[in-house]
Amino acid sequence: MQELVKVEPKSSWRDLQAVVIQIPSPYLFFADEPVVMRQDPVQLSTPSSHSWRLIPGKFNIYDWQRPMNWAVEWYPQAGDFIIKAGEPMYYLSFENPEGPPPSSVDLIECELTPELESRLKQTRGVTAIKRGVVPLFALARVKRKNLKFLSVES
């Protein structure tokens, strides 16, 4: 269970009544052009438990490569932490940071290349040891320059 669920230290909690929990997912999103990925709460369906709240987030998946995490604030006094099978945990959307929204986004299953693995090593665990990682995104963009992960044939 400790490998699946990580309870963040109290020093990182916004509200001392809400336990911050992170659950890693097996998904990694990246792009070879600037694309902002947003993680938002499920709003169109009723969650089985209202004892938790998604911590939304966004980052440019061109600049910053790391596996997707699901982070929530759980209010134990409001009830058990329940997620039913098949219930959505969050919504993802993709935005163009430099102009109008993309008309479509292609999701492609890719091989984990040595170049991508190297980028992952640079970001692995950063959020666990440092708050406010946004300034690191610009540095990551500079290091990413001219590095392509995808070679899609038209």
Protein backbone atom coordinates (compact mmCIF):
# COMPACT_ATOMS: atom_id res chain seq x y z
CA MET A 1 0.00 0.00 0.00
CA GLN A 2 2.90 2.40 0.74
CA GLU A 3 4.01 2.06 -2.89
CA LEU A 4 0.54 3.00 -4.15
CA VAL A 5 -0.37 5.82 -1.76
CA LYS A 6 1.95 8.52 -0.48
CA VAL A 7 0.87 10.71 2.42
CA GLU A 8 2.58 14.08 2.12
CA PRO A 9 4.22 15.62 5.22
CA LYS A 10 2.03 17.97 7.28
CA SER A 11 4.31 20.86 6.39
CA SER A 12 2.94 20.71 2.83
CA TRP A 13 -0.75 20.72 3.80
CA ARG A 14 -2.80 23.88 3.10
CA ASP A 15 -5.36 22.88 5.73
CA LEU A 16 -4.34 20.83 8.78
CA GLN A 17 -7.75 19.11 8.67
CA ALA A 18 -7.05 17.80 5.15
CA VAL A 19 -4.50 15.04 4.63
CA VAL A 20 -2.65 15.46 1.32
CA ILE A 21 -2.36 12.17 -0.53
CA GLN A 22 -0.60 11.47 -3.84
CA ILE A 23 -1.26 8.40 -5.92
CA PRO A 24 1.07 7.90 -8.88
CA SER A 25 -0.44 6.85 -12.17
CA PRO A 26 1.22 4.83 -14.92
CA TYR A 27 0.67 7.64 -17.43
CA LEU A 28 3.34 9.93 -18.84
CA PHE A 29 2.43 12.71 -21.25
CA PHE A 30 4.93 14.61 -23.38
CA ALA A 31 4.94 16.57 -26.62
CA ASP A 32 7.47 17.79 -29.15
CA GLU A 33 5.88 21.24 -29.19
CA PRO A 34 4.56 23.45 -26.38
CA VAL A 35 1.38 21.94 -24.90
CA VAL A 36 -0.03 22.71 -21.47
CA MET A 37 -1.78 19.78 -19.79
CA ARG A 38 -4.38 20.65 -17.16
CA GLN A 39 -5.64 18.24 -14.52
CA ASP A 40 -9.06 19.29 -13.24
CA PRO A 41 -11.67 17.82 -10.90
CA VAL A 42 -14.52 15.74 -12.24
CA GLN A 43 -17.48 18.09 -12.40
CA LEU A 44 -20.07 16.37 -14.56
CA SER A 45 -20.49 13.27 -12.43
CA THR A 46 -21.06 12.73 -8.75
CA PRO A 47 -18.09 11.17 -6.94
CA SER A 48 -18.94 8.30 -4.58
CA SER A 49 -17.28 10.18 -1.73
CA HIS A 50 -17.26 13.86 -1.01
CA SER A 51 -14.57 13.46 1.64
CA TRP A 52 -11.79 14.46 -0.75
CA ARG A 53 -10.91 17.24 -3.17
CA LEU A 54 -8.60 17.01 -6.18
CA ILE A 55 -5.62 19.34 -6.12
CA PRO A 56 -5.71 20.66 -9.70
CA GLY A 57 -2.57 21.44 -11.62
CA LYS A 58 -1.05 22.18 -14.97
CA PHE A 59 2.33 22.11 -16.64
CA ASN A 60 3.80 22.29 -20.12
CA ILE A 61 4.48 18.72 -21.24
CA TYR A 62 7.07 19.95 -23.72
CA ASP A 63 9.17 21.47 -20.92
CA TRP A 64 8.51 19.07 -18.08
CA GLN A 65 8.30 15.28 -18.34
CA ARG A 66 7.14 13.27 -15.38
CA PRO A 67 4.53 10.61 -14.66
CA MET A 68 1.06 11.92 -13.87
CA ASN A 69 0.13 11.98 -10.19
CA TRP A 70 -3.31 12.16 -8.67
CA ALA A 71 -3.12 14.46 -5.63
CA VAL A 72 -6.04 15.02 -3.28
CA GLU A 73 -6.88 16.62 0.02
CA TRP A 74 -8.79 14.09 2.12
CA TYR A 75 -10.96 15.25 5.00
CA PRO A 76 -11.15 12.17 7.29
CA GLN A 77 -13.84 13.79 9.46
CA ALA A 78 -16.11 13.87 6.37
CA GLY A 79 -15.92 10.12 5.80
CA ASP A 80 -13.92 7.27 4.37
CA PHE A 81 -11.78 7.71 1.27
CA ILE A 82 -13.79 5.82 -1.35
CA ILE A 83 -13.27 5.51 -5.10
CA LYS A 84 -15.49 3.11 -7.02
CA ALA A 85 -14.17 1.06 -9.94
CA GLY A 86 -14.76 2.86 -13.22
CA GLU A 87 -15.29 6.21 -11.53
CA PRO A 88 -13.27 9.05 -13.13
CA MET A 89 -10.60 10.47 -10.85
CA TYR A 90 -9.81 13.61 -12.85
CA TYR A 91 -10.16 15.20 -16.26
CA LEU A 92 -7.24 16.13 -18.49
CA SER A 93 -7.29 18.87 -21.09
CA PHE A 94 -4.60 20.13 -23.42
CA GLU A 95 -3.98 23.79 -24.30
CA ASN A 96 -1.77 25.72 -26.67
CA PRO A 97 0.19 28.16 -24.45
CA GLU A 98 1.07 30.34 -27.44
CA GLY A 99 -2.24 30.78 -29.23
CA PRO A 100 -5.70 29.35 -29.90
CA PRO A 101 -6.61 25.96 -28.45
CA PRO A 102 -5.64 22.94 -30.54
CA SER A 103 -8.44 21.58 -32.73
CA SER A 104 -7.40 18.05 -31.77
CA VAL A 105 -4.83 16.17 -29.73
CA ASP A 106 -3.42 12.82 -30.80
CA LEU A 107 -2.52 10.47 -27.97
CA ILE A 108 0.07 7.94 -29.11
CA GLU A 109 1.50 5.08 -27.08
CA CYS A 110 5.28 5.40 -27.33
CA GLU A 111 8.37 3.49 -26.37
CA LEU A 112 10.33 4.76 -23.38
CA THR A 113 13.52 5.85 -25.14
CA PRO A 114 16.89 6.48 -23.44
CA GLU A 115 16.45 10.24 -24.10
CA LEU A 116 13.04 10.27 -22.44
CA GLU A 117 14.29 8.15 -19.53
CA SER A 118 17.11 10.67 -19.03
CA ARG A 119 14.57 13.53 -18.87
CA LEU A 120 12.48 11.59 -16.36
CA LYS A 121 15.49 11.14 -14.07
CA GLN A 122 15.87 14.94 -13.96
CA THR A 123 12.33 15.47 -12.65
CA ARG A 124 11.81 12.31 -10.59
CA GLY A 125 10.97 13.17 -6.99
CA VAL A 126 11.42 16.93 -7.40
CA THR A 127 7.92 17.76 -6.15
CA ALA A 128 8.52 15.65 -3.04
CA ILE A 129 11.61 17.64 -2.00
CA LYS A 130 10.83 21.13 -3.30
CA ARG A 131 7.67 23.22 -3.24
CA GLY A 132 7.10 25.74 -6.00
CA VAL A 133 8.66 23.91 -8.93
CA VAL A 134 7.27 26.34 -11.53
CA PRO A 135 10.61 28.23 -11.84
CA LEU A 136 12.26 24.92 -12.76
CA PHE A 137 10.04 24.65 -15.87
CA ALA A 138 11.99 27.42 -17.69
CA LEU A 139 15.29 25.68 -16.92
CA ALA A 140 13.85 22.39 -18.17
CA ARG A 141 12.76 24.09 -21.42
CA VAL A 142 16.33 25.31 -22.05
CA LYS A 143 17.68 21.79 -21.48
CA ARG A 144 15.00 20.36 -23.79
CA LYS A 145 15.99 22.57 -26.76
CA ASN A 146 16.23 20.60 -30.04
CA LEU A 147 15.53 17.26 -28.32
CA LYS A 148 12.71 15.31 -29.97
CA PHE A 149 11.06 12.26 -28.42
CA LEU A 150 8.65 11.45 -31.22
CA SER A 151 9.39 10.47 -34.76
CA VAL A 152 5.96 10.03 -36.27
CA GLU A 153 5.81 9.18 -39.95
CA SER A 154 3.11 11.05 -41.87
